[in-house]
Amino acid sequence: MPDLVLGAAALEQARTGFATEARRVPASADHLAVPAGGLGDLDSAGAMLGALDEVVRVLGGELASAGARLDGLDRALDAAITAIRSSDRDAAVSLSAA
């Protein structure tokens, strides 16, 4: 793709955003909780609390997975930025006077 221009600054900004979200998304699971007071005198309170526990467990796992994917994007962008900067350095050296 000869017409593709990759700006290291823009990639770094995106990487920083992914890194921030990679920590924030899984941490949001800490705010999930089943009501400690229960559901009063409902006949189905036990089943409902069990279902809510399962929702919290599954959602926590999904948020952790999303955080891991975002972390992978952070690392991939970091590798791309490093490669671009290295290539730019090598090109500058090859064009400088000997």
N, C-alpha and C. Protein backbone atom coordinates (compact mmCIF):
# COMPACT_ATOMS: atom_id res chain seq x y z
N MET A 1 0.82 -1.17 0.00
CA MET A 1 0.00 0.00 0.00
C MET A 1 0.87 1.24 0.00
N PRO A 2 1.38 1.60 -1.14
CA PRO A 2 2.30 2.73 -1.20
C PRO A 2 1.66 4.07 -0.84
N ASP A 3 0.33 4.19 -0.93
CA ASP A 3 -0.31 5.47 -0.63
C ASP A 3 -0.73 5.58 0.84
N LEU A 4 -0.44 4.58 1.64
CA LEU A 4 -0.78 4.59 3.06
C LEU A 4 0.27 5.37 3.84
N VAL A 5 -0.18 6.37 4.57
CA VAL A 5 0.71 7.17 5.39
C VAL A 5 0.38 6.90 6.85
N LEU A 6 1.35 6.39 7.57
CA LEU A 6 1.15 6.09 8.98
C LEU A 6 1.90 7.11 9.83
N GLY A 7 1.16 7.96 10.48
CA GLY A 7 1.76 8.94 11.37
C GLY A 7 1.98 8.34 12.73
N ALA A 8 3.22 8.34 13.17
CA ALA A 8 3.55 7.74 14.47
C ALA A 8 2.81 8.44 15.60
N ALA A 9 2.61 9.73 15.49
CA ALA A 9 1.91 10.46 16.55
C ALA A 9 0.45 10.02 16.65
N ALA A 10 -0.21 9.84 15.51
CA ALA A 10 -1.61 9.39 15.53
C ALA A 10 -1.70 7.96 16.05
N LEU A 11 -0.77 7.13 15.65
CA LEU A 11 -0.76 5.75 16.15
C LEU A 11 -0.50 5.71 17.65
N GLU A 12 0.38 6.57 18.13
CA GLU A 12 0.67 6.64 19.56
C GLU A 12 -0.56 7.10 20.34
N GLN A 13 -1.30 8.04 19.78
CA GLN A 13 -2.51 8.52 20.43
C GLN A 13 -3.53 7.38 20.51
N ALA A 14 -3.69 6.63 19.44
CA ALA A 14 -4.61 5.48 19.44
C ALA A 14 -4.13 4.43 20.44
N ARG A 15 -2.83 4.17 20.46
CA ARG A 15 -2.27 3.17 21.39
C ARG A 15 -2.56 3.55 22.84
N THR A 16 -2.38 4.83 23.15
CA THR A 16 -2.64 5.30 24.50
C THR A 16 -4.10 5.10 24.88
N GLY A 17 -4.99 5.37 23.93
CA GLY A 17 -6.42 5.15 24.17
C GLY A 17 -6.73 3.69 24.43
N PHE A 18 -6.16 2.80 23.63
CA PHE A 18 -6.37 1.37 23.84
C PHE A 18 -5.81 0.92 25.18
N ALA A 19 -4.64 1.44 25.55
CA ALA A 19 -4.03 1.06 26.82
C ALA A 19 -4.92 1.48 27.99
N THR A 20 -5.48 2.68 27.90
CA THR A 20 -6.36 3.17 28.96
C THR A 20 -7.61 2.31 29.07
N GLU A 21 -8.22 2.02 27.93
CA GLU A 21 -9.43 1.20 27.93
C GLU A 21 -9.15 -0.24 28.35
N ALA A 22 -7.95 -0.74 28.06
CA ALA A 22 -7.59 -2.12 28.43
C ALA A 22 -7.60 -2.27 29.95
N ARG A 23 -7.35 -1.21 30.67
CA ARG A 23 -7.42 -1.26 32.14
C ARG A 23 -8.82 -0.91 32.65
N ARG A 24 -9.48 0.04 32.00
CA ARG A 24 -10.78 0.51 32.47
C ARG A 24 -11.88 -0.52 32.28
N VAL A 25 -11.93 -1.15 31.13
CA VAL A 25 -13.03 -2.07 30.82
C VAL A 25 -13.12 -3.23 31.82
N PRO A 26 -12.04 -3.98 32.06
CA PRO A 26 -12.17 -5.07 33.04
C PRO A 26 -12.48 -4.56 34.45
N ALA A 27 -11.97 -3.39 34.80
CA ALA A 27 -12.21 -2.84 36.13
C ALA A 27 -13.68 -2.47 36.33
N SER A 28 -14.40 -2.24 35.24
CA SER A 28 -15.81 -1.89 35.39
C SER A 28 -16.62 -3.07 35.96
N ALA A 29 -16.10 -4.27 35.87
CA ALA A 29 -16.78 -5.43 36.45
C ALA A 29 -16.84 -5.32 37.97
N ASP A 30 -15.95 -4.54 38.56
CA ASP A 30 -15.96 -4.37 40.01
C ASP A 30 -17.23 -3.67 40.49
N HIS A 31 -17.92 -2.99 39.58
CA HIS A 31 -19.13 -2.26 39.95
C HIS A 31 -20.39 -3.12 39.83
N LEU A 32 -20.22 -4.35 39.35
CA LEU A 32 -21.36 -5.24 39.21
C LEU A 32 -21.56 -6.00 40.51
N ALA A 33 -22.78 -6.02 40.97
CA ALA A 33 -23.06 -6.75 42.21
C ALA A 33 -24.53 -7.15 42.26
N VAL A 34 -24.76 -8.28 42.83
CA VAL A 34 -26.13 -8.73 43.08
C VAL A 34 -26.58 -8.06 44.37
N PRO A 35 -27.82 -7.61 44.43
CA PRO A 35 -28.30 -6.92 45.64
C PRO A 35 -28.08 -7.76 46.90
N ALA A 36 -27.37 -7.19 47.85
CA ALA A 36 -27.06 -7.92 49.07
C ALA A 36 -28.31 -8.15 49.93
N GLY A 37 -29.26 -7.25 49.85
CA GLY A 37 -30.47 -7.36 50.65
C GLY A 37 -31.46 -8.37 50.12
N GLY A 38 -31.12 -8.99 49.01
CA GLY A 38 -32.04 -9.95 48.43
C GLY A 38 -33.18 -9.27 47.69
N LEU A 39 -34.21 -10.02 47.45
CA LEU A 39 -35.34 -9.51 46.68
C LEU A 39 -36.63 -9.59 47.49
N GLY A 40 -36.49 -9.46 48.78
CA GLY A 40 -37.68 -9.45 49.63
C GLY A 40 -38.30 -10.82 49.76
N ASP A 41 -39.61 -10.84 49.75
CA ASP A 41 -40.34 -12.09 49.98
C ASP A 41 -40.83 -12.76 48.69
N LEU A 42 -40.19 -12.45 47.60
CA LEU A 42 -40.58 -13.08 46.34
C LEU A 42 -40.36 -14.58 46.41
N ASP A 43 -41.31 -15.33 45.90
CA ASP A 43 -41.17 -16.79 45.88
C ASP A 43 -39.97 -17.22 45.05
N SER A 44 -39.69 -16.47 44.02
CA SER A 44 -38.60 -16.84 43.12
C SER A 44 -37.30 -16.11 43.44
N ALA A 45 -37.17 -15.53 44.61
CA ALA A 45 -35.99 -14.73 44.96
C ALA A 45 -34.70 -15.53 44.84
N GLY A 46 -34.71 -16.76 45.32
CA GLY A 46 -33.50 -17.58 45.24
C GLY A 46 -33.07 -17.83 43.81
N ALA A 47 -34.03 -18.19 42.96
CA ALA A 47 -33.72 -18.43 41.55
C ALA A 47 -33.26 -17.16 40.86
N MET A 48 -33.93 -16.04 41.21
CA MET A 48 -33.56 -14.76 40.61
C MET A 48 -32.15 -14.35 41.01
N LEU A 49 -31.80 -14.51 42.29
CA LEU A 49 -30.45 -14.17 42.74
C LEU A 49 -29.41 -15.07 42.09
N GLY A 50 -29.75 -16.34 41.93
CA GLY A 50 -28.84 -17.26 41.24
C GLY A 50 -28.60 -16.84 39.80
N ALA A 51 -29.67 -16.44 39.13
CA ALA A 51 -29.55 -15.98 37.74
C ALA A 51 -28.73 -14.70 37.67
N LEU A 52 -28.97 -13.79 38.60
CA LEU A 52 -28.19 -12.54 38.62
C LEU A 52 -26.71 -12.81 38.90
N ASP A 53 -26.43 -13.74 39.78
CA ASP A 53 -25.03 -14.13 40.04
C ASP A 53 -24.37 -14.62 38.76
N GLU A 54 -25.11 -15.42 38.00
CA GLU A 54 -24.56 -15.95 36.74
C GLU A 54 -24.33 -14.84 35.72
N VAL A 55 -25.26 -13.89 35.65
CA VAL A 55 -25.09 -12.75 34.73
C VAL A 55 -23.83 -11.97 35.11
N VAL A 56 -23.66 -11.70 36.39
CA VAL A 56 -22.48 -10.96 36.86
C VAL A 56 -21.21 -11.73 36.54
N ARG A 57 -21.22 -13.04 36.75
CA ARG A 57 -20.04 -13.86 36.47
C ARG A 57 -19.68 -13.84 34.98
N VAL A 58 -20.69 -14.03 34.13
CA VAL A 58 -20.46 -14.06 32.68
C VAL A 58 -20.02 -12.69 32.18
N LEU A 59 -20.70 -11.65 32.63
CA LEU A 59 -20.35 -10.30 32.20
C LEU A 59 -18.94 -9.94 32.65
N GLY A 60 -18.57 -10.33 33.86
CA GLY A 60 -17.20 -10.09 34.32
C GLY A 60 -16.18 -10.77 33.42
N GLY A 61 -16.47 -12.00 33.00
CA GLY A 61 -15.58 -12.71 32.09
C GLY A 61 -15.48 -12.04 30.73
N GLU A 62 -16.61 -11.56 30.23
CA GLU A 62 -16.62 -10.86 28.94
C GLU A 62 -15.84 -9.55 29.01
N LEU A 63 -15.99 -8.83 30.10
CA LEU A 63 -15.24 -7.58 30.27
C LEU A 63 -13.74 -7.85 30.37
N ALA A 64 -13.38 -8.93 31.05
CA ALA A 64 -11.96 -9.31 31.14
C ALA A 64 -11.42 -9.67 29.76
N SER A 65 -12.21 -10.39 28.97
CA SER A 65 -11.79 -10.75 27.61
C SER A 65 -11.62 -9.51 26.73
N ALA A 66 -12.56 -8.59 26.87
CA ALA A 66 -12.46 -7.34 26.09
C ALA A 66 -11.20 -6.58 26.48
N GLY A 67 -10.89 -6.55 27.77
CA GLY A 67 -9.67 -5.88 28.23
C GLY A 67 -8.43 -6.53 27.65
N ALA A 68 -8.44 -7.87 27.58
CA ALA A 68 -7.29 -8.58 27.01
C ALA A 68 -7.13 -8.27 25.52
N ARG A 69 -8.25 -8.18 24.81
CA ARG A 69 -8.16 -7.83 23.38
C ARG A 69 -7.64 -6.41 23.19
N LEU A 70 -8.11 -5.49 24.02
CA LEU A 70 -7.62 -4.12 23.95
C LEU A 70 -6.13 -4.05 24.28
N ASP A 71 -5.70 -4.85 25.24
CA ASP A 71 -4.28 -4.91 25.58
C ASP A 71 -3.48 -5.43 24.39
N GLY A 72 -4.03 -6.42 23.68
CA GLY A 72 -3.36 -6.92 22.48
C GLY A 72 -3.23 -5.85 21.41
N LEU A 73 -4.27 -5.03 21.25
CA LEU A 73 -4.19 -3.91 20.30
C LEU A 73 -3.13 -2.91 20.72
N ASP A 74 -3.06 -2.64 22.01
CA ASP A 74 -2.03 -1.74 22.54
C ASP A 74 -0.64 -2.25 22.17
N ARG A 75 -0.39 -3.53 22.42
CA ARG A 75 0.93 -4.11 22.12
C ARG A 75 1.21 -4.13 20.63
N ALA A 76 0.19 -4.43 19.82
CA ALA A 76 0.39 -4.45 18.36
C ALA A 76 0.72 -3.06 17.82
N LEU A 77 0.01 -2.06 18.31
CA LEU A 77 0.31 -0.69 17.87
C LEU A 77 1.68 -0.25 18.34
N ASP A 78 2.06 -0.65 19.55
CA ASP A 78 3.40 -0.32 20.05
C ASP A 78 4.46 -0.94 19.15
N ALA A 79 4.26 -2.18 18.75
CA ALA A 79 5.21 -2.84 17.85
C ALA A 79 5.25 -2.14 16.49
N ALA A 80 4.09 -1.72 15.99
CA ALA A 80 4.04 -1.02 14.70
C ALA A 80 4.76 0.32 14.78
N ILE A 81 4.54 1.04 15.87
CA ILE A 81 5.20 2.34 16.05
C ILE A 81 6.71 2.16 16.12
N THR A 82 7.16 1.15 16.87
CA THR A 82 8.59 0.87 16.98
C THR A 82 9.18 0.55 15.61
N ALA A 83 8.47 -0.26 14.83
CA ALA A 83 8.96 -0.64 13.49
C ALA A 83 9.02 0.58 12.57
N ILE A 84 8.00 1.42 12.63
CA ILE A 84 7.98 2.63 11.78
C ILE A 84 9.13 3.55 12.14
N ARG A 85 9.32 3.77 13.43
CA ARG A 85 10.41 4.67 13.85
C ARG A 85 11.77 4.09 13.49
N SER A 86 11.93 2.79 13.63
CA SER A 86 13.18 2.15 13.26
C SER A 86 13.43 2.28 11.76
N SER A 87 12.39 2.05 10.98
CA SER A 87 12.51 2.19 9.52
C SER A 87 12.85 3.62 9.13
N ASP A 88 12.19 4.57 9.79
CA ASP A 88 12.48 5.98 9.51
C ASP A 88 13.92 6.33 9.85
N ARG A 89 14.41 5.81 10.99
CA ARG A 89 15.80 6.05 11.38
C ARG A 89 16.77 5.45 10.35
N ASP A 90 16.48 4.21 9.95
CA ASP A 90 17.35 3.56 8.97
C ASP A 90 17.36 4.32 7.65
N ALA A 91 16.19 4.80 7.24
CA ALA A 91 16.11 5.56 5.99
C ALA A 91 16.88 6.88 6.11
N ALA A 92 16.79 7.53 7.25
CA ALA A 92 17.51 8.80 7.45
C ALA A 92 19.00 8.58 7.42
N VAL A 93 19.45 7.48 8.03
CA VAL A 93 20.89 7.17 8.03
C VAL A 93 21.36 6.90 6.62
N SER A 94 20.57 6.17 5.85
CA SER A 94 20.99 5.82 4.49
C SER A 94 21.02 7.04 3.58
N LEU A 95 20.27 8.09 3.91
CA LEU A 95 20.23 9.29 3.08
C LEU A 95 21.23 10.34 3.55
N SER A 96 21.81 10.17 4.72
CA SER A 96 22.74 11.17 5.23
C SER A 96 24.10 11.00 4.54
N ALA A 97 24.84 12.10 4.56
CA ALA A 97 26.16 12.07 3.93
C ALA A 97 27.09 11.15 4.69
N ALA A 98 27.89 10.42 3.96
CA ALA A 98 28.80 9.45 4.58
C ALA A 98 30.03 10.10 5.13
